[in-house]
Amino acid sequence: DLGARAFSPGQTYVALSRIRALDGLHLSRPLQPNDIFV
């Protein structure tokens, strides 16, 4: 759950990389381009 948008670089990466496998991922809303930035 990233809220309205990810607010810091790497935040989305940290969240997604906690999960062992792709089928364990659930999103509160679809990811947007501005959620992923470095």
PDB file of all heavy atoms in Angstrom:
ATOM      1  N   ASP A   1       0.860  -1.186   0.000  1.00  0.00           N
ATOM      2  CA  ASP A   1       0.000   0.000   0.000  1.00  0.00           C
ATOM      3  C   ASP A   1       0.896   1.235   0.000  1.00  0.00           C
ATOM      4  O   ASP A   1       1.446   1.623   1.026  1.00  0.00           O
ATOM      5  CB  ASP A   1      -0.909  -0.010   1.233  1.00  0.00           C
ATOM      6  CG  ASP A   1      -1.882   1.161   1.260  1.00  0.00           C
ATOM      7  OD1 ASP A   1      -1.766   2.070   0.413  1.00  0.00           O
ATOM      8  OD2 ASP A   1      -2.766   1.187   2.140  1.00  0.00           O
ATOM      9  N   LEU A   2       1.030   1.871  -1.165  1.00  0.00           N
ATOM     10  CA  LEU A   2       1.887   3.039  -1.307  1.00  0.00           C
ATOM     11  C   LEU A   2       1.149   4.351  -1.085  1.00  0.00           C
ATOM     12  O   LEU A   2       1.732   5.430  -1.265  1.00  0.00           O
ATOM     13  CB  LEU A   2       2.527   3.047  -2.697  1.00  0.00           C
ATOM     14  CG  LEU A   2       3.494   1.893  -2.992  1.00  0.00           C
ATOM     15  CD1 LEU A   2       3.826   1.849  -4.478  1.00  0.00           C
ATOM     16  CD2 LEU A   2       4.757   2.015  -2.164  1.00  0.00           C
ATOM     17  N   GLY A   3      -0.119   4.265  -0.667  1.00  0.00           N
ATOM     18  CA  GLY A   3      -0.895   5.480  -0.507  1.00  0.00           C
ATOM     19  C   GLY A   3      -1.156   6.144  -1.851  1.00  0.00           C
ATOM     20  O   GLY A   3      -1.294   5.479  -2.877  1.00  0.00           O
ATOM     21  N   ALA A   4      -1.220   7.467  -1.862  1.00  0.00           N
ATOM     22  CA  ALA A   4      -1.475   8.199  -3.107  1.00  0.00           C
ATOM     23  C   ALA A   4      -0.341   8.011  -4.105  1.00  0.00           C
ATOM     24  O   ALA A   4      -0.561   7.912  -5.311  1.00  0.00           O
ATOM     25  CB  ALA A   4      -1.675   9.678  -2.812  1.00  0.00           C
ATOM     26  N   ARG A   5       0.907   7.943  -3.597  1.00  0.00           N
ATOM     27  CA  ARG A   5       2.083   7.690  -4.427  1.00  0.00           C
ATOM     28  C   ARG A   5       3.277   7.415  -3.534  1.00  0.00           C
ATOM     29  O   ARG A   5       3.292   7.779  -2.352  1.00  0.00           O
ATOM     30  CB  ARG A   5       2.400   8.876  -5.348  1.00  0.00           C
ATOM     31  CG  ARG A   5       2.699  10.180  -4.646  1.00  0.00           C
ATOM     32  CD  ARG A   5       3.531  11.108  -5.512  1.00  0.00           C
ATOM     33  NE  ARG A   5       4.886  10.578  -5.706  1.00  0.00           N
ATOM     34  CZ  ARG A   5       5.810  11.117  -6.522  1.00  0.00           C
ATOM     35  NH1 ARG A   5       5.504  12.172  -7.243  1.00  0.00           N
ATOM     36  NH2 ARG A   5       7.024  10.596  -6.606  1.00  0.00           N
ATOM     37  N   ALA A   6       4.279   6.751  -4.079  1.00  0.00           N
ATOM     38  CA  ALA A   6       5.537   6.573  -3.354  1.00  0.00           C
ATOM     39  C   ALA A   6       6.174   7.942  -3.164  1.00  0.00           C
ATOM     40  O   ALA A   6       6.183   8.762  -4.083  1.00  0.00           O
ATOM     41  CB  ALA A   6       6.468   5.645  -4.120  1.00  0.00           C
ATOM     42  N   PHE A   7       6.696   8.215  -1.955  1.00  0.00           N
ATOM     43  CA  PHE A   7       7.203   9.550  -1.688  1.00  0.00           C
ATOM     44  C   PHE A   7       8.724   9.609  -1.511  1.00  0.00           C
ATOM     45  O   PHE A   7       9.277  10.683  -1.283  1.00  0.00           O
ATOM     46  CB  PHE A   7       6.523  10.167  -0.463  1.00  0.00           C
ATOM     47  CG  PHE A   7       6.692   9.403   0.820  1.00  0.00           C
ATOM     48  CD1 PHE A   7       7.832   9.541   1.594  1.00  0.00           C
ATOM     49  CD2 PHE A   7       5.705   8.546   1.260  1.00  0.00           C
ATOM     50  CE1 PHE A   7       7.981   8.844   2.770  1.00  0.00           C
ATOM     51  CE2 PHE A   7       5.845   7.839   2.452  1.00  0.00           C
ATOM     52  CZ  PHE A   7       6.991   7.995   3.200  1.00  0.00           C
ATOM     53  N   SER A   8       9.403   8.473  -1.605  1.00  0.00           N
ATOM     54  CA  SER A   8      10.856   8.514  -1.506  1.00  0.00           C
ATOM     55  C   SER A   8      11.463   7.531  -2.501  1.00  0.00           C
ATOM     56  O   SER A   8      10.869   6.492  -2.793  1.00  0.00           O
ATOM     57  CB  SER A   8      11.325   8.191  -0.081  1.00  0.00           C
ATOM     58  OG  SER A   8      10.996   6.873   0.280  1.00  0.00           O
ATOM     59  N   PRO A   9      12.652   7.857  -3.022  1.00  0.00           N
ATOM     60  CA  PRO A   9      13.309   6.940  -3.962  1.00  0.00           C
ATOM     61  C   PRO A   9      13.541   5.572  -3.332  1.00  0.00           C
ATOM     62  O   PRO A   9      13.922   5.471  -2.168  1.00  0.00           O
ATOM     63  CB  PRO A   9      14.645   7.646  -4.257  1.00  0.00           C
ATOM     64  CG  PRO A   9      14.436   9.070  -3.902  1.00  0.00           C
ATOM     65  CD  PRO A   9      13.453   9.074  -2.782  1.00  0.00           C
ATOM     66  N   GLY A  10      13.321   4.526  -4.078  1.00  0.00           N
ATOM     67  CA  GLY A  10      13.585   3.186  -3.595  1.00  0.00           C
ATOM     68  C   GLY A  10      12.500   2.575  -2.735  1.00  0.00           C
ATOM     69  O   GLY A  10      12.562   1.398  -2.383  1.00  0.00           O
ATOM     70  N   GLN A  11      11.473   3.368  -2.381  1.00  0.00           N
ATOM     71  CA  GLN A  11      10.434   2.866  -1.485  1.00  0.00           C
ATOM     72  C   GLN A  11       9.683   1.686  -2.104  1.00  0.00           C
ATOM     73  O   GLN A  11       9.442   0.670  -1.434  1.00  0.00           O
ATOM     74  CB  GLN A  11       9.460   3.996  -1.143  1.00  0.00           C
ATOM     75  CG  GLN A  11       8.478   3.656  -0.027  1.00  0.00           C
ATOM     76  CD  GLN A  11       7.626   4.856   0.332  1.00  0.00           C
ATOM     77  OE1 GLN A  11       7.090   5.540  -0.533  1.00  0.00           O
ATOM     78  NE2 GLN A  11       7.527   5.156   1.607  1.00  0.00           N
ATOM     79  N   THR A  12       9.329   1.799  -3.360  1.00  0.00           N
ATOM     80  CA  THR A  12       8.608   0.723  -4.035  1.00  0.00           C
ATOM     81  C   THR A  12       9.489  -0.522  -4.153  1.00  0.00           C
ATOM     82  O   THR A  12       9.018  -1.647  -3.977  1.00  0.00           O
ATOM     83  CB  THR A  12       8.132   1.186  -5.418  1.00  0.00           C
ATOM     84  OG1 THR A  12       7.289   2.343  -5.263  1.00  0.00           O
ATOM     85  CG2 THR A  12       7.362   0.097  -6.139  1.00  0.00           C
ATOM     86  N   TYR A  13      10.759  -0.324  -4.440  1.00  0.00           N
ATOM     87  CA  TYR A  13      11.686  -1.449  -4.530  1.00  0.00           C
ATOM     88  C   TYR A  13      11.787  -2.186  -3.195  1.00  0.00           C
ATOM     89  O   TYR A  13      11.741  -3.417  -3.155  1.00  0.00           O
ATOM     90  CB  TYR A  13      13.070  -0.965  -4.969  1.00  0.00           C
ATOM     91  CG  TYR A  13      14.130  -2.044  -4.914  1.00  0.00           C
ATOM     92  CD1 TYR A  13      14.059  -3.160  -5.738  1.00  0.00           C
ATOM     93  CD2 TYR A  13      15.211  -1.945  -4.034  1.00  0.00           C
ATOM     94  CE1 TYR A  13      15.033  -4.153  -5.689  1.00  0.00           C
ATOM     95  CE2 TYR A  13      16.183  -2.932  -3.979  1.00  0.00           C
ATOM     96  CZ  TYR A  13      16.088  -4.030  -4.801  1.00  0.00           C
ATOM     97  OH  TYR A  13      17.053  -5.017  -4.739  1.00  0.00           O
ATOM     98  N   VAL A  14      11.910  -1.441  -2.105  1.00  0.00           N
ATOM     99  CA  VAL A  14      11.980  -2.070  -0.786  1.00  0.00           C
ATOM    100  C   VAL A  14      10.742  -2.923  -0.537  1.00  0.00           C
ATOM    101  O   VAL A  14      10.832  -4.075  -0.114  1.00  0.00           O
ATOM    102  CB  VAL A  14      12.138  -1.016   0.326  1.00  0.00           C
ATOM    103  CG1 VAL A  14      11.981  -1.659   1.705  1.00  0.00           C
ATOM    104  CG2 VAL A  14      13.492  -0.336   0.222  1.00  0.00           C
ATOM    105  N   ALA A  15       9.567  -2.351  -0.810  1.00  0.00           N
ATOM    106  CA  ALA A  15       8.318  -3.060  -0.531  1.00  0.00           C
ATOM    107  C   ALA A  15       8.206  -4.341  -1.365  1.00  0.00           C
ATOM    108  O   ALA A  15       7.932  -5.424  -0.831  1.00  0.00           O
ATOM    109  CB  ALA A  15       7.128  -2.149  -0.808  1.00  0.00           C
ATOM    110  N   LEU A  16       8.430  -4.240  -2.658  1.00  0.00           N
ATOM    111  CA  LEU A  16       8.269  -5.398  -3.536  1.00  0.00           C
ATOM    112  C   LEU A  16       9.298  -6.478  -3.234  1.00  0.00           C
ATOM    113  O   LEU A  16       9.001  -7.676  -3.300  1.00  0.00           O
ATOM    114  CB  LEU A  16       8.381  -4.973  -5.003  1.00  0.00           C
ATOM    115  CG  LEU A  16       7.318  -4.003  -5.533  1.00  0.00           C
ATOM    116  CD1 LEU A  16       7.606  -3.662  -6.989  1.00  0.00           C
ATOM    117  CD2 LEU A  16       5.914  -4.578  -5.397  1.00  0.00           C
ATOM    118  N   SER A  17      10.512  -6.076  -2.873  1.00  0.00           N
ATOM    119  CA  SER A  17      11.591  -7.046  -2.680  1.00  0.00           C
ATOM    120  C   SER A  17      11.517  -7.778  -1.344  1.00  0.00           C
ATOM    121  O   SER A  17      12.331  -8.659  -1.085  1.00  0.00           O
ATOM    122  CB  SER A  17      12.955  -6.354  -2.823  1.00  0.00           C
ATOM    123  OG  SER A  17      13.119  -5.342  -1.845  1.00  0.00           O
ATOM    124  N   ARG A  18      10.541  -7.426  -0.499  1.00  0.00           N
ATOM    125  CA  ARG A  18      10.346  -8.187   0.752  1.00  0.00           C
ATOM    126  C   ARG A  18       9.682  -9.535   0.477  1.00  0.00           C
ATOM    127  O   ARG A  18       9.725 -10.431   1.324  1.00  0.00           O
ATOM    128  CB  ARG A  18       9.435  -7.424   1.727  1.00  0.00           C
ATOM    129  CG  ARG A  18       9.863  -6.048   2.190  1.00  0.00           C
ATOM    130  CD  ARG A  18      11.257  -6.063   2.755  1.00  0.00           C
ATOM    131  NE  ARG A  18      12.186  -5.610   1.733  1.00  0.00           N
ATOM    132  CZ  ARG A  18      13.495  -5.788   1.779  1.00  0.00           C
ATOM    133  NH1 ARG A  18      14.006  -6.491   2.762  1.00  0.00           N
ATOM    134  NH2 ARG A  18      14.296  -5.327   0.842  1.00  0.00           N
ATOM    135  N   ILE A  19       9.048  -9.689  -0.662  1.00  0.00           N
ATOM    136  CA  ILE A  19       8.174 -10.826  -0.948  1.00  0.00           C
ATOM    137  C   ILE A  19       8.964 -11.900  -1.697  1.00  0.00           C
ATOM    138  O   ILE A  19       9.728 -11.610  -2.611  1.00  0.00           O
ATOM    139  CB  ILE A  19       6.954 -10.360  -1.773  1.00  0.00           C
ATOM    140  CG1 ILE A  19       6.231  -9.235  -1.005  1.00  0.00           C
ATOM    141  CG2 ILE A  19       6.002 -11.514  -2.041  1.00  0.00           C
ATOM    142  CD1 ILE A  19       5.206  -8.495  -1.836  1.00  0.00           C
ATOM    143  N   ARG A  20       8.775 -13.143  -1.280  1.00  0.00           N
ATOM    144  CA  ARG A  20       9.558 -14.248  -1.845  1.00  0.00           C
ATOM    145  C   ARG A  20       9.276 -14.515  -3.320  1.00  0.00           C
ATOM    146  O   ARG A  20      10.176 -14.809  -4.100  1.00  0.00           O
ATOM    147  CB  ARG A  20       9.271 -15.543  -1.067  1.00  0.00           C
ATOM    148  CG  ARG A  20       9.822 -15.597   0.337  1.00  0.00           C
ATOM    149  CD  ARG A  20       9.622 -16.981   0.919  1.00  0.00           C
ATOM    150  NE  ARG A  20       9.949 -17.032   2.320  1.00  0.00           N
ATOM    151  CZ  ARG A  20      11.176 -17.213   2.791  1.00  0.00           C
ATOM    152  NH1 ARG A  20      12.188 -17.382   1.953  1.00  0.00           N
ATOM    153  NH2 ARG A  20      11.394 -17.249   4.093  1.00  0.00           N
ATOM    154  N   ALA A  21       8.004 -14.465  -3.683  1.00  0.00           N
ATOM    155  CA  ALA A  21       7.617 -14.876  -5.035  1.00  0.00           C
ATOM    156  C   ALA A  21       6.556 -13.941  -5.589  1.00  0.00           C
ATOM    157  O   ALA A  21       5.817 -13.289  -4.835  1.00  0.00           O
ATOM    158  CB  ALA A  21       7.096 -16.323  -5.025  1.00  0.00           C
ATOM    159  N   LEU A  22       6.457 -13.893  -6.886  1.00  0.00           N
ATOM    160  CA  LEU A  22       5.525 -12.985  -7.550  1.00  0.00           C
ATOM    161  C   LEU A  22       4.083 -13.265  -7.157  1.00  0.00           C
ATOM    162  O   LEU A  22       3.292 -12.325  -6.980  1.00  0.00           O
ATOM    163  CB  LEU A  22       5.706 -13.095  -9.069  1.00  0.00           C
ATOM    164  CG  LEU A  22       4.987 -12.072  -9.960  1.00  0.00           C
ATOM    165  CD1 LEU A  22       5.340 -10.646  -9.556  1.00  0.00           C
ATOM    166  CD2 LEU A  22       5.344 -12.323 -11.421  1.00  0.00           C
ATOM    167  N   ASP A  23       3.719 -14.535  -6.995  1.00  0.00           N
ATOM    168  CA  ASP A  23       2.330 -14.844  -6.657  1.00  0.00           C
ATOM    169  C   ASP A  23       1.984 -14.502  -5.212  1.00  0.00           C
ATOM    170  O   ASP A  23       0.841 -14.658  -4.798  1.00  0.00           O
ATOM    171  CB  ASP A  23       1.993 -16.305  -6.967  1.00  0.00           C
ATOM    172  CG  ASP A  23       2.760 -17.306  -6.108  1.00  0.00           C
ATOM    173  OD1 ASP A  23       3.504 -16.892  -5.192  1.00  0.00           O
ATOM    174  OD2 ASP A  23       2.625 -18.529  -6.356  1.00  0.00           O
ATOM    175  N   GLY A  24       2.961 -14.015  -4.440  1.00  0.00           N
ATOM    176  CA  GLY A  24       2.677 -13.538  -3.097  1.00  0.00           C
ATOM    177  C   GLY A  24       2.404 -12.046  -3.027  1.00  0.00           C
ATOM    178  O   GLY A  24       2.177 -11.498  -1.952  1.00  0.00           O
ATOM    179  N   LEU A  25       2.402 -11.379  -4.196  1.00  0.00           N
ATOM    180  CA  LEU A  25       2.209  -9.934  -4.255  1.00  0.00           C
ATOM    181  C   LEU A  25       0.739  -9.573  -4.409  1.00  0.00           C
ATOM    182  O   LEU A  25       0.037 -10.115  -5.272  1.00  0.00           O
ATOM    183  CB  LEU A  25       3.004  -9.352  -5.430  1.00  0.00           C
ATOM    184  CG  LEU A  25       2.732  -7.882  -5.772  1.00  0.00           C
ATOM    185  CD1 LEU A  25       3.190  -6.966  -4.632  1.00  0.00           C
ATOM    186  CD2 LEU A  25       3.425  -7.493  -7.076  1.00  0.00           C
ATOM    187  N   HIS A  26       0.295  -8.630  -3.586  1.00  0.00           N
ATOM    188  CA  HIS A  26      -1.036  -8.045  -3.714  1.00  0.00           C
ATOM    189  C   HIS A  26      -0.884  -6.528  -3.602  1.00  0.00           C
ATOM    190  O   HIS A  26      -0.136  -6.034  -2.759  1.00  0.00           O
ATOM    191  CB  HIS A  26      -1.985  -8.573  -2.629  1.00  0.00           C
ATOM    192  CG  HIS A  26      -2.084 -10.061  -2.606  1.00  0.00           C
ATOM    193  ND1 HIS A  26      -2.967 -10.773  -3.385  1.00  0.00           N
ATOM    194  CD2 HIS A  26      -1.368 -10.990  -1.912  1.00  0.00           C
ATOM    195  CE1 HIS A  26      -2.816 -12.071  -3.155  1.00  0.00           C
ATOM    196  NE2 HIS A  26      -1.852 -12.237  -2.270  1.00  0.00           N
ATOM    197  N   LEU A  27      -1.566  -5.791  -4.449  1.00  0.00           N
ATOM    198  CA  LEU A  27      -1.455  -4.343  -4.474  1.00  0.00           C
ATOM    199  C   LEU A  27      -2.765  -3.698  -4.060  1.00  0.00           C
ATOM    200  O   LEU A  27      -3.841  -4.125  -4.497  1.00  0.00           O
ATOM    201  CB  LEU A  27      -1.073  -3.862  -5.879  1.00  0.00           C
ATOM    202  CG  LEU A  27       0.302  -4.312  -6.414  1.00  0.00           C
ATOM    203  CD1 LEU A  27       0.426  -3.976  -7.899  1.00  0.00           C
ATOM    204  CD2 LEU A  27       1.423  -3.640  -5.626  1.00  0.00           C
ATOM    205  N   SER A  28      -2.677  -2.660  -3.223  1.00  0.00           N
ATOM    206  CA  SER A  28      -3.891  -1.942  -2.827  1.00  0.00           C
ATOM    207  C   SER A  28      -4.441  -1.113  -3.983  1.00  0.00           C
ATOM    208  O   SER A  28      -5.622  -0.787  -4.014  1.00  0.00           O
ATOM    209  CB  SER A  28      -3.602  -1.034  -1.619  1.00  0.00           C
ATOM    210  OG  SER A  28      -2.670  -0.017  -1.972  1.00  0.00           O
ATOM    211  N   ARG A  29      -3.572  -0.768  -4.909  1.00  0.00           N
ATOM    212  CA  ARG A  29      -3.945  -0.067  -6.144  1.00  0.00           C
ATOM    213  C   ARG A  29      -2.886  -0.374  -7.182  1.00  0.00           C
ATOM    214  O   ARG A  29      -1.765  -0.780  -6.843  1.00  0.00           O
ATOM    215  CB  ARG A  29      -4.039   1.447  -5.918  1.00  0.00           C
ATOM    216  CG  ARG A  29      -2.749   2.079  -5.490  1.00  0.00           C
ATOM    217  CD  ARG A  29      -2.703   3.577  -5.713  1.00  0.00           C
ATOM    218  NE  ARG A  29      -1.493   4.191  -5.209  1.00  0.00           N
ATOM    219  CZ  ARG A  29      -0.324   4.197  -5.858  1.00  0.00           C
ATOM    220  NH1 ARG A  29      -0.216   3.588  -7.042  1.00  0.00           N
ATOM    221  NH2 ARG A  29       0.734   4.807  -5.337  1.00  0.00           N
ATOM    222  N   PRO A  30      -3.181  -0.177  -8.468  1.00  0.00           N
ATOM    223  CA  PRO A  30      -2.163  -0.429  -9.492  1.00  0.00           C
ATOM    224  C   PRO A  30      -0.963   0.500  -9.331  1.00  0.00           C
ATOM    225  O   PRO A  30      -1.104   1.661  -8.923  1.00  0.00           O
ATOM    226  CB  PRO A  30      -2.901  -0.157 -10.807  1.00  0.00           C
ATOM    227  CG  PRO A  30      -4.356  -0.301 -10.468  1.00  0.00           C
ATOM    228  CD  PRO A  30      -4.499   0.153  -9.055  1.00  0.00           C
ATOM    229  N   LEU A  31       0.209  -0.012  -9.635  1.00  0.00           N
ATOM    230  CA  LEU A  31       1.403   0.815  -9.642  1.00  0.00           C
ATOM    231  C   LEU A  31       1.342   1.817 -10.784  1.00  0.00           C
ATOM    232  O   LEU A  31       0.892   1.503 -11.887  1.00  0.00           O
ATOM    233  CB  LEU A  31       2.653  -0.052  -9.792  1.00  0.00           C
ATOM    234  CG  LEU A  31       2.975  -1.023  -8.645  1.00  0.00           C
ATOM    235  CD1 LEU A  31       4.173  -1.890  -9.015  1.00  0.00           C
ATOM    236  CD2 LEU A  31       3.247  -0.261  -7.356  1.00  0.00           C
ATOM    237  N   GLN A  32       1.823   3.048 -10.512  1.00  0.00           N
ATOM    238  CA  GLN A  32       1.886   4.110 -11.500  1.00  0.00           C
ATOM    239  C   GLN A  32       3.350   4.403 -11.829  1.00  0.00           C
ATOM    240  O   GLN A  32       4.247   4.103 -11.019  1.00  0.00           O
ATOM    241  CB  GLN A  32       1.200   5.379 -10.977  1.00  0.00           C
ATOM    242  CG  GLN A  32      -0.249   5.182 -10.544  1.00  0.00           C
ATOM    243  CD  GLN A  32      -1.155   4.813 -11.700  1.00  0.00           C
ATOM    244  OE1 GLN A  32      -0.963   5.256 -12.829  1.00  0.00           O
ATOM    245  NE2 GLN A  32      -2.151   3.981 -11.419  1.00  0.00           N
ATOM    246  N   PRO A  33       3.623   4.987 -12.993  1.00  0.00           N
ATOM    247  CA  PRO A  33       5.016   5.302 -13.341  1.00  0.00           C
ATOM    248  C   PRO A  33       5.749   6.112 -12.286  1.00  0.00           C
ATOM    249  O   PRO A  33       6.942   5.909 -12.046  1.00  0.00           O
ATOM    250  CB  PRO A  33       4.875   6.076 -14.662  1.00  0.00           C
ATOM    251  CG  PRO A  33       3.608   5.554 -15.262  1.00  0.00           C
ATOM    252  CD  PRO A  33       2.690   5.297 -14.097  1.00  0.00           C
ATOM    253  N   ASN A  34       5.023   7.068 -11.619  1.00  0.00           N
ATOM    254  CA  ASN A  34       5.710   7.903 -10.633  1.00  0.00           C
ATOM    255  C   ASN A  34       5.932   7.202  -9.295  1.00  0.00           C
ATOM    256  O   ASN A  34       6.464   7.804  -8.357  1.00  0.00           O
ATOM    257  CB  ASN A  34       4.970   9.227 -10.421  1.00  0.00           C
ATOM    258  CG  ASN A  34       3.550   9.037  -9.919  1.00  0.00           C
ATOM    259  OD1 ASN A  34       3.114   7.922  -9.642  1.00  0.00           O
ATOM    260  ND2 ASN A  34       2.805  10.140  -9.815  1.00  0.00           N
ATOM    261  N   ASP A  35       5.513   5.938  -9.173  1.00  0.00           N
ATOM    262  CA  ASP A  35       5.815   5.163  -7.971  1.00  0.00           C
ATOM    263  C   ASP A  35       7.225   4.591  -8.001  1.00  0.00           C
ATOM    264  O   ASP A  35       7.742   4.156  -6.969  1.00  0.00           O
ATOM    265  CB  ASP A  35       4.826   3.988  -7.808  1.00  0.00           C
ATOM    266  CG  ASP A  35       3.424   4.442  -7.457  1.00  0.00           C
ATOM    267  OD1 ASP A  35       3.295   5.392  -6.666  1.00  0.00           O
ATOM    268  OD2 ASP A  35       2.461   3.838  -7.969  1.00  0.00           O
ATOM    269  N   ILE A  36       7.831   4.551  -9.167  1.00  0.00           N
ATOM    270  CA  ILE A  36       9.135   3.910  -9.326  1.00  0.00           C
ATOM    271  C   ILE A  36      10.142   4.950  -9.795  1.00  0.00           C
ATOM    272  O   ILE A  36      10.138   5.363 -10.957  1.00  0.00           O
ATOM    273  CB  ILE A  36       9.048   2.736 -10.326  1.00  0.00           C
ATOM    274  CG1 ILE A  36       8.038   1.698  -9.808  1.00  0.00           C
ATOM    275  CG2 ILE A  36      10.419   2.103 -10.536  1.00  0.00           C
ATOM    276  CD1 ILE A  36       7.712   0.608 -10.799  1.00  0.00           C
ATOM    277  N   PHE A  37      10.972   5.425  -8.881  1.00  0.00           N
ATOM    278  CA  PHE A  37      11.990   6.399  -9.250  1.00  0.00           C
ATOM    279  C   PHE A  37      13.217   6.209  -8.370  1.00  0.00           C
ATOM    280  O   PHE A  37      13.151   5.658  -7.268  1.00  0.00           O
ATOM    281  CB  PHE A  37      11.458   7.838  -9.151  1.00  0.00           C
ATOM    282  CG  PHE A  37      10.985   8.257  -7.780  1.00  0.00           C
ATOM    283  CD1 PHE A  37      11.746   9.099  -6.991  1.00  0.00           C
ATOM    284  CD2 PHE A  37       9.750   7.831  -7.287  1.00  0.00           C
ATOM    285  CE1 PHE A  37      11.305   9.499  -5.736  1.00  0.00           C
ATOM    286  CE2 PHE A  37       9.295   8.231  -6.035  1.00  0.00           C
ATOM    287  CZ  PHE A  37      10.074   9.060  -5.261  1.00  0.00           C
ATOM    288  N   VAL A  38      14.348   6.651  -8.884  1.00  0.00           N
ATOM    289  CA  VAL A  38      15.642   6.442  -8.255  1.00  0.00           C
ATOM    290  C   VAL A  38      16.354   7.782  -8.162  1.00  0.00           C
ATOM    291  O   VAL A  38      16.241   8.625  -9.066  1.00  0.00           O
ATOM    292  CB  VAL A  38      16.500   5.441  -9.069  1.00  0.00           C
ATOM    293  CG1 VAL A  38      17.820   5.162  -8.364  1.00  0.00           C
ATOM    294  CG2 VAL A  38      15.741   4.143  -9.306  1.00  0.00           C
TER     295      VAL A  38
END
